[in-house]
N, C-alpha and C. Protein backbone atom coordinates (compact mmCIF):
# COMPACT_ATOMS: atom_id res chain seq x y z
N MET A 1 90.60 151.63 162.64
CA MET A 1 90.73 150.86 163.88
C MET A 1 89.37 150.31 164.31
N LEU A 2 89.39 149.07 164.79
CA LEU A 2 88.20 148.45 165.38
C LEU A 2 88.39 148.46 166.90
N LYS A 3 87.44 149.09 167.59
CA LYS A 3 87.55 149.24 169.04
C LYS A 3 86.37 148.55 169.72
N ILE A 4 86.67 147.58 170.57
CA ILE A 4 85.66 146.86 171.33
C ILE A 4 85.78 147.31 172.78
N ASP A 5 84.70 147.87 173.32
CA ASP A 5 84.75 148.51 174.64
C ASP A 5 83.74 147.87 175.59
N SER A 6 84.24 147.01 176.48
CA SER A 6 83.45 146.40 177.56
C SER A 6 82.21 145.66 177.04
N ILE A 7 82.42 144.85 176.00
CA ILE A 7 81.31 144.09 175.41
C ILE A 7 80.94 142.90 176.29
N SER A 8 79.64 142.75 176.55
CA SER A 8 79.11 141.58 177.24
C SER A 8 77.94 141.03 176.43
N LYS A 9 77.72 139.73 176.56
CA LYS A 9 76.59 139.10 175.88
C LYS A 9 76.06 137.96 176.74
N SER A 10 74.75 137.98 176.98
CA SER A 10 74.09 136.94 177.76
C SER A 10 72.96 136.34 176.95
N PHE A 11 72.73 135.03 177.16
CA PHE A 11 71.59 134.34 176.58
C PHE A 11 70.81 133.70 177.72
N GLN A 12 69.55 134.12 177.90
CA GLN A 12 68.70 133.57 178.96
C GLN A 12 69.44 133.58 180.31
N ARG A 13 69.96 134.72 180.65
CA ARG A 13 70.65 134.98 181.92
C ARG A 13 72.02 134.30 182.03
N LYS A 14 72.43 133.54 181.02
CA LYS A 14 73.76 132.94 181.04
C LYS A 14 74.73 133.87 180.31
N LYS A 15 75.75 134.34 181.02
CA LYS A 15 76.71 135.27 180.43
C LYS A 15 77.73 134.50 179.60
N ILE A 16 77.79 134.82 178.31
CA ILE A 16 78.72 134.17 177.40
C ILE A 16 80.00 134.99 177.27
N ILE A 17 79.86 136.29 177.14
CA ILE A 17 81.00 137.21 177.05
C ILE A 17 80.85 138.25 178.14
N ASP A 18 81.93 138.54 178.87
CA ASP A 18 81.85 139.44 180.02
C ASP A 18 82.90 140.54 179.93
N LYS A 19 82.46 141.74 179.62
CA LYS A 19 83.30 142.95 179.64
C LYS A 19 84.61 142.77 178.85
N LEU A 20 84.46 142.41 177.62
CA LEU A 20 85.61 142.19 176.75
C LEU A 20 86.02 143.50 176.08
N THR A 21 87.29 143.87 176.20
CA THR A 21 87.80 145.13 175.65
C THR A 21 89.12 144.90 174.93
N PHE A 22 89.19 145.32 173.67
CA PHE A 22 90.45 145.29 172.94
C PHE A 22 90.31 146.12 171.67
N GLU A 23 91.43 146.39 171.02
CA GLU A 23 91.46 147.14 169.78
C GLU A 23 92.24 146.36 168.73
N VAL A 24 91.87 146.52 167.46
CA VAL A 24 92.61 145.92 166.36
C VAL A 24 92.92 147.02 165.35
N ASN A 25 94.17 147.15 165.00
CA ASN A 25 94.60 148.18 164.06
C ASN A 25 94.55 147.68 162.62
N LYS A 26 94.53 148.61 161.69
CA LYS A 26 94.57 148.26 160.28
C LYS A 26 95.84 147.47 159.97
N GLY A 27 95.71 146.46 159.13
CA GLY A 27 96.85 145.65 158.74
C GLY A 27 97.24 144.58 159.74
N GLU A 28 96.40 144.37 160.75
CA GLU A 28 96.71 143.42 161.82
C GLU A 28 95.81 142.19 161.73
N ILE A 29 96.40 141.01 161.97
CA ILE A 29 95.64 139.77 162.07
C ILE A 29 95.63 139.35 163.54
N VAL A 30 94.46 139.27 164.12
CA VAL A 30 94.31 138.89 165.52
C VAL A 30 93.59 137.55 165.61
N GLY A 31 94.22 136.62 166.31
CA GLY A 31 93.62 135.32 166.52
C GLY A 31 92.70 135.32 167.72
N LEU A 32 91.67 134.50 167.65
CA LEU A 32 90.69 134.39 168.73
C LEU A 32 90.58 132.90 169.08
N VAL A 33 91.00 132.52 170.29
CA VAL A 33 91.01 131.11 170.66
C VAL A 33 90.33 130.90 172.01
N GLY A 34 89.97 129.65 172.26
CA GLY A 34 89.31 129.27 173.51
C GLY A 34 88.59 127.96 173.32
N GLU A 35 88.21 127.35 174.44
CA GLU A 35 87.52 126.07 174.36
C GLU A 35 86.14 126.25 173.73
N ASN A 36 85.53 125.15 173.31
CA ASN A 36 84.18 125.20 172.73
C ASN A 36 83.21 125.81 173.73
N GLY A 37 82.39 126.73 173.24
CA GLY A 37 81.40 127.37 174.09
C GLY A 37 81.91 128.59 174.83
N ALA A 38 83.17 128.97 174.57
CA ALA A 38 83.74 130.12 175.29
C ALA A 38 83.20 131.45 174.79
N GLY A 39 82.66 131.49 173.57
CA GLY A 39 82.07 132.72 173.06
C GLY A 39 82.74 133.28 171.82
N LYS A 40 83.61 132.49 171.18
CA LYS A 40 84.33 132.98 170.00
C LYS A 40 83.38 133.30 168.85
N SER A 41 82.53 132.35 168.50
CA SER A 41 81.58 132.58 167.40
C SER A 41 80.57 133.65 167.75
N THR A 42 80.18 133.71 169.02
CA THR A 42 79.26 134.77 169.47
C THR A 42 79.88 136.15 169.25
N LEU A 43 81.16 136.28 169.60
CA LEU A 43 81.84 137.55 169.41
C LEU A 43 81.92 137.92 167.93
N LEU A 44 82.25 136.95 167.08
CA LEU A 44 82.32 137.24 165.65
C LEU A 44 80.97 137.67 165.11
N ASN A 45 79.90 137.04 165.57
CA ASN A 45 78.57 137.43 165.11
C ASN A 45 78.19 138.83 165.60
N ILE A 46 78.64 139.21 166.78
CA ILE A 46 78.43 140.58 167.25
C ILE A 46 79.18 141.55 166.37
N LEU A 47 80.43 141.24 166.06
CA LEU A 47 81.24 142.12 165.22
C LEU A 47 80.73 142.17 163.78
N ALA A 48 80.02 141.11 163.37
CA ALA A 48 79.43 141.08 162.03
C ALA A 48 78.05 141.74 161.99
N THR A 49 77.58 142.23 163.12
CA THR A 49 76.28 142.90 163.31
C THR A 49 75.09 141.95 163.20
N THR A 50 75.31 140.64 163.27
CA THR A 50 74.19 139.69 163.23
C THR A 50 73.65 139.39 164.63
N LEU A 51 74.39 139.80 165.67
CA LEU A 51 73.93 139.74 167.05
C LEU A 51 74.18 141.09 167.71
N LYS A 52 73.32 141.44 168.67
CA LYS A 52 73.53 142.66 169.45
C LYS A 52 74.17 142.31 170.79
N PRO A 53 75.14 143.09 171.24
CA PRO A 53 75.70 142.86 172.57
C PRO A 53 74.68 143.23 173.64
N THR A 54 74.78 142.58 174.78
CA THR A 54 73.93 142.94 175.91
C THR A 54 74.36 144.27 176.52
N ALA A 55 75.66 144.51 176.49
CA ALA A 55 76.20 145.77 177.01
C ALA A 55 77.50 146.08 176.30
N GLY A 56 77.92 147.35 176.37
CA GLY A 56 79.18 147.76 175.77
C GLY A 56 79.01 148.46 174.44
N ASN A 57 80.13 148.91 173.89
CA ASN A 57 80.14 149.66 172.63
C ASN A 57 81.22 149.14 171.69
N ILE A 58 80.96 149.29 170.39
CA ILE A 58 81.94 148.92 169.37
C ILE A 58 82.02 150.06 168.36
N TYR A 59 83.24 150.37 167.95
CA TYR A 59 83.47 151.43 166.98
C TYR A 59 84.36 150.90 165.85
N LEU A 60 84.04 151.27 164.64
CA LEU A 60 84.92 151.06 163.50
C LEU A 60 85.27 152.44 162.96
N ASN A 61 86.53 152.82 163.16
CA ASN A 61 86.95 154.18 162.84
C ASN A 61 86.05 155.17 163.58
N GLU A 62 85.37 156.04 162.86
CA GLU A 62 84.52 157.04 163.53
C GLU A 62 83.07 156.57 163.67
N TRP A 63 82.76 155.37 163.22
CA TRP A 63 81.37 154.88 163.23
C TRP A 63 81.08 154.04 164.47
N HIS A 64 79.88 154.24 165.00
CA HIS A 64 79.40 153.47 166.15
C HIS A 64 78.50 152.35 165.64
N TYR A 65 78.70 151.13 166.18
CA TYR A 65 78.00 149.96 165.66
C TYR A 65 76.47 150.09 165.73
N GLN A 66 75.94 150.71 166.76
CA GLN A 66 74.48 150.83 166.86
C GLN A 66 73.95 151.99 166.05
N LYS A 67 74.63 153.11 166.09
CA LYS A 67 74.15 154.30 165.40
C LYS A 67 74.39 154.25 163.89
N ASP A 68 75.44 153.57 163.48
CA ASP A 68 75.84 153.58 162.06
C ASP A 68 75.86 152.17 161.47
N LYS A 69 74.90 151.34 161.86
CA LYS A 69 74.92 149.93 161.47
C LYS A 69 74.93 149.72 159.96
N LYS A 70 74.12 150.49 159.22
CA LYS A 70 74.07 150.32 157.77
C LYS A 70 75.42 150.61 157.12
N THR A 71 76.07 151.64 157.60
CA THR A 71 77.41 151.97 157.08
C THR A 71 78.42 150.91 157.48
N ILE A 72 78.38 150.48 158.73
CA ILE A 72 79.30 149.46 159.23
C ILE A 72 79.23 148.20 158.38
N ARG A 73 78.01 147.76 158.05
CA ARG A 73 77.84 146.52 157.31
C ARG A 73 78.50 146.55 155.93
N LYS A 74 78.63 147.72 155.36
CA LYS A 74 79.30 147.83 154.06
C LYS A 74 80.79 147.56 154.15
N HIS A 75 81.31 147.61 155.36
CA HIS A 75 82.75 147.47 155.55
C HIS A 75 83.15 146.17 156.26
N ILE A 76 82.17 145.26 156.42
CA ILE A 76 82.42 144.00 157.10
C ILE A 76 82.35 142.83 156.12
N GLY A 77 83.35 141.97 156.16
CA GLY A 77 83.31 140.70 155.44
C GLY A 77 83.29 139.58 156.47
N PHE A 78 82.29 138.70 156.40
CA PHE A 78 82.11 137.65 157.42
C PHE A 78 82.09 136.29 156.75
N VAL A 79 82.98 135.40 157.22
CA VAL A 79 83.03 134.03 156.71
C VAL A 79 82.68 133.09 157.86
N PRO A 80 81.42 132.65 157.95
CA PRO A 80 81.04 131.72 159.03
C PRO A 80 81.65 130.35 158.79
N GLN A 81 81.62 129.53 159.83
CA GLN A 81 82.21 128.19 159.72
C GLN A 81 81.50 127.33 158.68
N ASP A 82 80.20 127.46 158.60
CA ASP A 82 79.44 126.70 157.60
C ASP A 82 79.61 127.34 156.23
N ILE A 83 79.95 126.51 155.24
CA ILE A 83 80.15 127.02 153.88
C ILE A 83 78.80 127.43 153.30
N ALA A 84 78.72 128.66 152.79
CA ALA A 84 77.46 129.21 152.29
C ALA A 84 77.60 129.56 150.81
N ILE A 85 77.60 128.55 149.95
CA ILE A 85 77.70 128.75 148.51
C ILE A 85 76.73 127.82 147.80
N TRP A 86 76.47 128.10 146.52
CA TRP A 86 75.52 127.30 145.74
C TRP A 86 76.26 126.15 145.07
N GLU A 87 75.99 124.94 145.54
CA GLU A 87 76.70 123.75 145.06
C GLU A 87 76.45 123.46 143.58
N GLN A 88 75.25 123.75 143.10
CA GLN A 88 74.90 123.40 141.72
C GLN A 88 75.44 124.40 140.70
N LEU A 89 75.88 125.57 141.17
CA LEU A 89 76.40 126.59 140.28
C LEU A 89 77.92 126.46 140.14
N THR A 90 78.47 127.05 139.09
CA THR A 90 79.92 127.08 138.92
C THR A 90 80.53 128.15 139.84
N VAL A 91 81.85 128.15 139.91
CA VAL A 91 82.55 129.20 140.66
C VAL A 91 82.17 130.57 140.09
N GLU A 92 82.21 130.68 138.76
CA GLU A 92 81.87 131.95 138.11
C GLU A 92 80.44 132.39 138.46
N GLU A 93 79.51 131.46 138.38
CA GLU A 93 78.11 131.80 138.65
C GLU A 93 77.91 132.21 140.11
N ASN A 94 78.62 131.56 141.03
CA ASN A 94 78.54 131.95 142.44
C ASN A 94 79.06 133.37 142.63
N MET A 95 80.21 133.66 142.05
CA MET A 95 80.79 135.00 142.21
C MET A 95 79.88 136.07 141.61
N LYS A 96 79.31 135.80 140.46
CA LYS A 96 78.39 136.76 139.83
C LYS A 96 77.13 136.94 140.65
N PHE A 97 76.61 135.85 141.20
CA PHE A 97 75.39 135.91 142.02
C PHE A 97 75.61 136.80 143.23
N PHE A 98 76.71 136.57 143.97
CA PHE A 98 76.95 137.35 145.18
C PHE A 98 77.38 138.78 144.87
N GLU A 99 77.98 138.99 143.70
CA GLU A 99 78.32 140.36 143.30
C GLU A 99 77.06 141.19 143.10
N LYS A 100 75.99 140.57 142.60
CA LYS A 100 74.73 141.29 142.41
C LYS A 100 74.11 141.71 143.75
N LEU A 101 74.44 140.99 144.82
CA LEU A 101 73.92 141.33 146.14
C LEU A 101 74.80 142.36 146.86
N SER A 102 75.97 142.61 146.31
CA SER A 102 76.94 143.50 146.95
C SER A 102 76.64 144.95 146.64
N TRP A 103 76.98 145.84 147.57
CA TRP A 103 76.80 147.28 147.33
C TRP A 103 77.89 147.82 146.42
N LYS A 104 78.98 147.07 146.28
CA LYS A 104 80.09 147.50 145.42
C LYS A 104 80.19 146.57 144.22
N LYS A 105 80.14 147.13 143.02
CA LYS A 105 80.11 146.33 141.81
C LYS A 105 81.52 146.03 141.30
N LYS A 106 81.65 144.83 140.72
CA LYS A 106 82.92 144.38 140.17
C LYS A 106 82.70 143.79 138.78
N SER A 107 83.70 143.94 137.92
CA SER A 107 83.65 143.32 136.60
C SER A 107 83.92 141.82 136.74
N VAL A 108 83.59 141.07 135.70
CA VAL A 108 83.85 139.63 135.71
C VAL A 108 85.33 139.36 135.89
N GLN A 109 86.17 140.15 135.23
CA GLN A 109 87.62 139.96 135.36
C GLN A 109 88.10 140.23 136.78
N GLU A 110 87.53 141.22 137.44
CA GLU A 110 87.89 141.51 138.82
C GLU A 110 87.47 140.37 139.74
N LEU A 111 86.29 139.83 139.50
CA LEU A 111 85.82 138.69 140.29
C LEU A 111 86.73 137.48 140.10
N LYS A 112 87.10 137.24 138.86
CA LYS A 112 87.97 136.11 138.55
C LYS A 112 89.33 136.28 139.20
N GLN A 113 89.83 137.51 139.22
CA GLN A 113 91.15 137.77 139.80
C GLN A 113 91.17 137.51 141.30
N ILE A 114 90.08 137.81 142.00
CA ILE A 114 90.00 137.50 143.42
C ILE A 114 90.24 136.02 143.65
N CYS A 115 89.62 135.20 142.82
CA CYS A 115 89.77 133.75 142.92
C CYS A 115 91.19 133.31 142.57
N LEU A 116 91.71 133.85 141.48
CA LEU A 116 93.06 133.46 141.04
C LEU A 116 94.12 133.83 142.08
N ASP A 117 93.91 134.94 142.77
CA ASP A 117 94.88 135.39 143.76
C ASP A 117 95.03 134.41 144.92
N MET A 118 94.02 133.58 145.15
CA MET A 118 94.13 132.57 146.20
C MET A 118 94.20 131.15 145.62
N SER A 119 94.67 131.06 144.37
CA SER A 119 94.88 129.77 143.69
C SER A 119 93.60 128.98 143.51
N LEU A 120 92.50 129.69 143.29
CA LEU A 120 91.23 129.06 142.95
C LEU A 120 91.02 129.27 141.45
N ASP A 121 91.41 128.27 140.67
CA ASP A 121 91.44 128.42 139.21
C ASP A 121 90.38 127.59 138.49
N ARG A 122 89.40 127.09 139.21
CA ARG A 122 88.34 126.26 138.61
C ARG A 122 87.12 127.12 138.28
N TRP A 123 87.32 128.15 137.48
CA TRP A 123 86.32 129.17 137.22
C TRP A 123 85.01 128.61 136.67
N ASN A 124 85.11 127.63 135.78
CA ASN A 124 83.91 127.09 135.14
C ASN A 124 83.46 125.75 135.73
N GLU A 125 84.01 125.40 136.86
CA GLU A 125 83.70 124.11 137.48
C GLU A 125 82.51 124.23 138.44
N PRO A 126 81.53 123.30 138.35
CA PRO A 126 80.46 123.30 139.34
C PRO A 126 81.04 123.11 140.74
N VAL A 127 80.51 123.85 141.69
CA VAL A 127 81.04 123.82 143.05
C VAL A 127 80.97 122.41 143.65
N LYS A 128 79.94 121.66 143.29
CA LYS A 128 79.78 120.31 143.85
C LYS A 128 80.95 119.40 143.50
N ASN A 129 81.72 119.74 142.47
CA ASN A 129 82.88 118.95 142.08
C ASN A 129 84.18 119.39 142.73
N LEU A 130 84.15 120.47 143.49
CA LEU A 130 85.36 121.01 144.09
C LEU A 130 85.73 120.28 145.38
N SER A 131 87.03 120.35 145.72
CA SER A 131 87.50 119.82 146.99
C SER A 131 87.05 120.74 148.12
N GLY A 132 87.16 120.24 149.36
CA GLY A 132 86.80 121.07 150.52
C GLY A 132 87.62 122.34 150.58
N GLY A 133 88.91 122.23 150.24
CA GLY A 133 89.78 123.41 150.26
C GLY A 133 89.35 124.45 149.25
N MET A 134 88.98 124.01 148.05
CA MET A 134 88.52 124.93 147.00
C MET A 134 87.21 125.61 147.42
N LYS A 135 86.33 124.87 148.07
CA LYS A 135 85.07 125.46 148.54
C LYS A 135 85.33 126.52 149.61
N ARG A 136 86.28 126.25 150.50
CA ARG A 136 86.64 127.23 151.52
C ARG A 136 87.20 128.50 150.88
N LYS A 137 88.01 128.32 149.85
CA LYS A 137 88.57 129.48 149.14
C LYS A 137 87.47 130.30 148.49
N LEU A 138 86.49 129.63 147.89
CA LEU A 138 85.38 130.34 147.26
C LEU A 138 84.56 131.08 148.30
N ASN A 139 84.33 130.46 149.45
CA ASN A 139 83.60 131.11 150.53
C ASN A 139 84.30 132.41 150.95
N LEU A 140 85.63 132.35 151.02
CA LEU A 140 86.42 133.52 151.37
C LEU A 140 86.39 134.56 150.25
N ALA A 141 86.50 134.11 149.01
CA ALA A 141 86.49 135.03 147.86
C ALA A 141 85.19 135.84 147.82
N ILE A 142 84.08 135.19 148.10
CA ILE A 142 82.78 135.87 148.09
C ILE A 142 82.75 137.00 149.13
N SER A 143 83.37 136.76 150.29
CA SER A 143 83.36 137.77 151.36
C SER A 143 84.19 138.99 151.01
N LEU A 144 85.03 138.90 149.97
CA LEU A 144 85.92 139.99 149.60
C LEU A 144 85.42 140.80 148.41
N ILE A 145 84.29 140.43 147.85
CA ILE A 145 83.78 141.12 146.66
C ILE A 145 83.61 142.62 146.90
N HIS A 146 83.15 143.00 148.07
CA HIS A 146 82.88 144.42 148.35
C HIS A 146 84.05 145.13 149.04
N ASP A 147 85.24 144.51 149.01
CA ASP A 147 86.45 145.13 149.58
C ASP A 147 86.27 145.57 151.03
N PRO A 148 85.94 144.65 151.93
CA PRO A 148 85.67 145.03 153.32
C PRO A 148 86.93 145.51 154.03
N ALA A 149 86.75 146.43 154.96
CA ALA A 149 87.85 146.90 155.80
C ALA A 149 88.16 145.91 156.91
N VAL A 150 87.11 145.17 157.33
CA VAL A 150 87.24 144.19 158.41
C VAL A 150 86.81 142.82 157.88
N LEU A 151 87.66 141.83 158.12
CA LEU A 151 87.37 140.46 157.68
C LEU A 151 87.29 139.57 158.91
N LEU A 152 86.13 138.94 159.12
CA LEU A 152 85.88 138.10 160.28
C LEU A 152 85.79 136.65 159.81
N LEU A 153 86.65 135.79 160.33
CA LEU A 153 86.78 134.42 159.83
C LEU A 153 86.58 133.42 160.96
N ASP A 154 85.54 132.60 160.85
CA ASP A 154 85.24 131.60 161.88
C ASP A 154 85.67 130.22 161.37
N GLU A 155 86.82 129.75 161.82
CA GLU A 155 87.36 128.45 161.42
C GLU A 155 87.36 128.29 159.89
N PRO A 156 87.99 129.20 159.16
CA PRO A 156 87.90 129.16 157.69
C PRO A 156 88.66 128.02 157.03
N THR A 157 89.53 127.32 157.78
CA THR A 157 90.31 126.24 157.17
C THR A 157 90.00 124.88 157.79
N VAL A 158 88.91 124.79 158.55
CA VAL A 158 88.60 123.53 159.22
C VAL A 158 88.32 122.43 158.18
N GLY A 159 88.93 121.28 158.40
CA GLY A 159 88.65 120.11 157.58
C GLY A 159 89.28 120.09 156.20
N ILE A 160 90.27 120.94 155.95
CA ILE A 160 90.88 120.95 154.61
C ILE A 160 92.36 120.57 154.69
N ASP A 161 92.96 120.32 153.53
CA ASP A 161 94.33 119.83 153.47
C ASP A 161 95.34 120.93 153.81
N LEU A 162 96.55 120.49 154.13
CA LEU A 162 97.60 121.41 154.56
C LEU A 162 97.94 122.43 153.47
N LYS A 163 98.00 121.99 152.21
CA LYS A 163 98.34 122.89 151.10
C LYS A 163 97.34 124.04 151.01
N SER A 164 96.05 123.72 151.09
CA SER A 164 95.01 124.76 151.02
C SER A 164 95.09 125.69 152.22
N ARG A 165 95.38 125.13 153.42
CA ARG A 165 95.51 125.97 154.61
C ARG A 165 96.66 126.96 154.45
N LYS A 166 97.77 126.48 153.91
CA LYS A 166 98.93 127.35 153.70
C LYS A 166 98.61 128.44 152.69
N GLU A 167 97.91 128.08 151.61
CA GLU A 167 97.56 129.06 150.58
C GLU A 167 96.62 130.12 151.13
N ILE A 168 95.63 129.70 151.92
CA ILE A 168 94.70 130.65 152.51
C ILE A 168 95.43 131.55 153.50
N GLY A 169 96.32 130.96 154.30
CA GLY A 169 97.08 131.75 155.26
C GLY A 169 97.95 132.81 154.59
N ALA A 170 98.62 132.42 153.50
CA ALA A 170 99.47 133.37 152.76
C ALA A 170 98.62 134.48 152.15
N TYR A 171 97.45 134.12 151.67
CA TYR A 171 96.56 135.11 151.07
C TYR A 171 96.06 136.11 152.11
N LEU A 172 95.71 135.61 153.30
CA LEU A 172 95.24 136.49 154.36
C LEU A 172 96.34 137.44 154.82
N ARG A 173 97.56 136.94 154.92
CA ARG A 173 98.66 137.81 155.29
C ARG A 173 98.83 138.93 154.27
N LYS A 174 98.70 138.59 152.99
CA LYS A 174 98.80 139.58 151.93
C LYS A 174 97.67 140.60 152.03
N GLN A 175 96.46 140.14 152.34
CA GLN A 175 95.33 141.04 152.49
C GLN A 175 95.57 142.04 153.63
N ALA A 176 96.17 141.57 154.71
CA ALA A 176 96.43 142.45 155.85
C ALA A 176 97.52 143.46 155.53
N THR A 177 98.63 143.00 154.96
CA THR A 177 99.78 143.87 154.77
C THR A 177 99.62 144.81 153.57
N GLU A 178 99.09 144.28 152.46
CA GLU A 178 99.01 145.08 151.25
C GLU A 178 97.73 145.89 151.14
N ASN A 179 96.63 145.35 151.68
CA ASN A 179 95.34 146.05 151.58
C ASN A 179 94.90 146.65 152.91
N ASN A 180 95.75 146.50 153.94
CA ASN A 180 95.51 147.16 155.22
C ASN A 180 94.20 146.74 155.88
N ARG A 181 93.81 145.49 155.66
CA ARG A 181 92.56 145.01 156.26
C ARG A 181 92.78 144.62 157.72
N ILE A 182 91.74 144.77 158.51
CA ILE A 182 91.68 144.23 159.87
C ILE A 182 91.13 142.80 159.75
N ILE A 183 91.84 141.82 160.30
CA ILE A 183 91.40 140.43 160.20
C ILE A 183 91.34 139.83 161.60
N ILE A 184 90.20 139.25 161.94
CA ILE A 184 90.02 138.51 163.20
C ILE A 184 89.69 137.07 162.84
N TYR A 185 90.41 136.15 163.43
CA TYR A 185 90.48 134.78 162.91
C TYR A 185 90.36 133.78 164.05
N THR A 186 89.40 132.86 164.00
CA THR A 186 89.31 131.80 165.00
C THR A 186 89.79 130.49 164.41
N SER A 187 90.45 129.70 165.23
CA SER A 187 90.90 128.38 164.79
C SER A 187 91.27 127.55 166.02
N HIS A 188 91.07 126.24 165.92
CA HIS A 188 91.54 125.33 166.96
C HIS A 188 92.93 124.80 166.63
N ASP A 189 93.45 125.17 165.47
CA ASP A 189 94.79 124.75 165.06
C ASP A 189 95.80 125.76 165.59
N MET A 190 96.48 125.41 166.68
CA MET A 190 97.40 126.34 167.31
C MET A 190 98.62 126.65 166.44
N ASP A 191 99.05 125.69 165.64
CA ASP A 191 100.16 125.96 164.73
C ASP A 191 99.77 127.06 163.73
N GLU A 192 98.55 126.98 163.25
CA GLU A 192 98.04 127.98 162.31
C GLU A 192 97.95 129.36 162.97
N ILE A 193 97.43 129.39 164.19
CA ILE A 193 97.31 130.64 164.94
C ILE A 193 98.68 131.25 165.19
N LYS A 194 99.62 130.43 165.63
CA LYS A 194 100.97 130.92 165.95
C LYS A 194 101.69 131.45 164.71
N GLU A 195 101.44 130.80 163.58
CA GLU A 195 102.13 131.19 162.35
C GLU A 195 101.53 132.45 161.72
N LEU A 196 100.21 132.57 161.79
CA LEU A 196 99.52 133.60 161.02
C LEU A 196 99.27 134.90 161.79
N CYS A 197 98.98 134.81 163.08
CA CYS A 197 98.44 135.97 163.80
C CYS A 197 99.51 136.85 164.44
N ASP A 198 99.27 138.15 164.42
CA ASP A 198 100.15 139.11 165.08
C ASP A 198 99.95 139.10 166.59
N ARG A 199 98.70 139.01 167.00
CA ARG A 199 98.35 138.93 168.42
C ARG A 199 97.25 137.90 168.58
N VAL A 200 97.06 137.43 169.82
CA VAL A 200 96.04 136.42 170.09
C VAL A 200 95.23 136.83 171.32
N ILE A 201 93.91 136.67 171.21
CA ILE A 201 93.01 136.91 172.34
C ILE A 201 92.44 135.55 172.77
N THR A 202 92.59 135.22 174.03
CA THR A 202 92.01 133.97 174.54
C THR A 202 90.76 134.29 175.34
N ILE A 203 89.72 133.49 175.11
CA ILE A 203 88.44 133.66 175.81
C ILE A 203 88.13 132.39 176.58
N GLY A 204 87.69 132.54 177.80
CA GLY A 204 87.32 131.38 178.60
C GLY A 204 88.27 131.17 179.77
N GLU A 205 87.94 130.19 180.61
CA GLU A 205 88.68 129.97 181.86
C GLU A 205 89.85 129.02 181.71
N ASP A 206 89.90 128.24 180.63
CA ASP A 206 90.97 127.27 180.44
C ASP A 206 92.30 127.99 180.17
N PRO A 207 93.33 127.81 181.02
CA PRO A 207 94.61 128.50 180.84
C PRO A 207 95.50 127.87 179.77
N PHE A 208 95.06 126.74 179.20
CA PHE A 208 95.90 125.99 178.26
C PHE A 208 96.37 126.85 177.09
N TYR A 209 95.44 127.55 176.45
CA TYR A 209 95.77 128.32 175.26
C TYR A 209 96.73 129.47 175.59
N LYS A 210 96.46 130.14 176.69
CA LYS A 210 97.30 131.27 177.10
C LYS A 210 98.74 130.82 177.31
N GLU A 211 98.93 129.72 178.03
CA GLU A 211 100.27 129.23 178.33
C GLU A 211 100.98 128.76 177.06
N LEU A 212 100.25 128.07 176.19
CA LEU A 212 100.83 127.56 174.96
C LEU A 212 101.31 128.69 174.06
N LEU A 213 100.50 129.72 173.94
CA LEU A 213 100.83 130.84 173.06
C LEU A 213 101.95 131.70 173.63
N LYS A 214 101.98 131.87 174.92
CA LYS A 214 103.07 132.63 175.53
C LYS A 214 104.41 131.92 175.35
N GLU A 215 104.39 130.59 175.42
CA GLU A 215 105.60 129.81 175.16
C GLU A 215 106.10 130.04 173.75
N ALA A 216 105.15 130.29 172.81
CA ALA A 216 105.52 130.52 171.42
C ALA A 216 105.92 131.97 171.15
N GLY A 217 105.89 132.81 172.20
CA GLY A 217 106.30 134.19 172.05
C GLY A 217 105.25 135.11 171.48
N LYS A 218 103.96 134.69 171.52
CA LYS A 218 102.88 135.52 171.00
C LYS A 218 102.34 136.47 172.07
N LYS A 219 101.95 137.66 171.63
CA LYS A 219 101.29 138.61 172.53
C LYS A 219 99.88 138.11 172.79
N VAL A 220 99.54 137.90 174.05
CA VAL A 220 98.25 137.30 174.39
C VAL A 220 97.48 138.23 175.32
N LEU A 221 96.19 138.42 174.99
CA LEU A 221 95.26 139.15 175.84
C LEU A 221 94.16 138.18 176.24
N SER A 222 93.92 138.01 177.53
CA SER A 222 92.99 136.98 178.02
C SER A 222 91.76 137.58 178.67
N PHE A 223 90.62 136.89 178.45
CA PHE A 223 89.35 137.29 179.08
C PHE A 223 88.64 136.04 179.60
């Protein structure tokens, strides 16, 4: 379980996140929505341990984010909105490169299977030749090399075609249900959020998202 307890974050006296509290269980996909600047990416970076909260506590199972940061990081997979892969290398070379940086080692066949499972079959293709959807899939595949318990996704399907979005969505659902991963997912695509997520957390003062999601029958928690 991932437990967020009264998390706040301020930058230069401006409060971005204020006393946010919620829990996410294993096997659950939770959507995170809100207007630009509401604090969605800030929250994901806090959960990824790349930012420290101003106040509050976070726990992953029995581990505390501040006291057990090194252990926590071994169990976090983070996919930022910006694609972070080597364009001049092939898919295979990218996977091998990031596997060497991982604390958990994988065989070449295991790395290839991660890609194949999400319909990324251009193993020997230079990344610069791939479509936007294929690059997004590779970005996601890299985050899964170390088998993280928690997967944090910041707009992972932005700017890609419908087919790739559907394939990524189906793969994430499989990761949650079959591998019992905790997944927190941000997107401005409400159809995607409504289709994929078990619950939705809205951040910010705009009531638009809350009303829209409640109409769709989604469980909504607002901050």
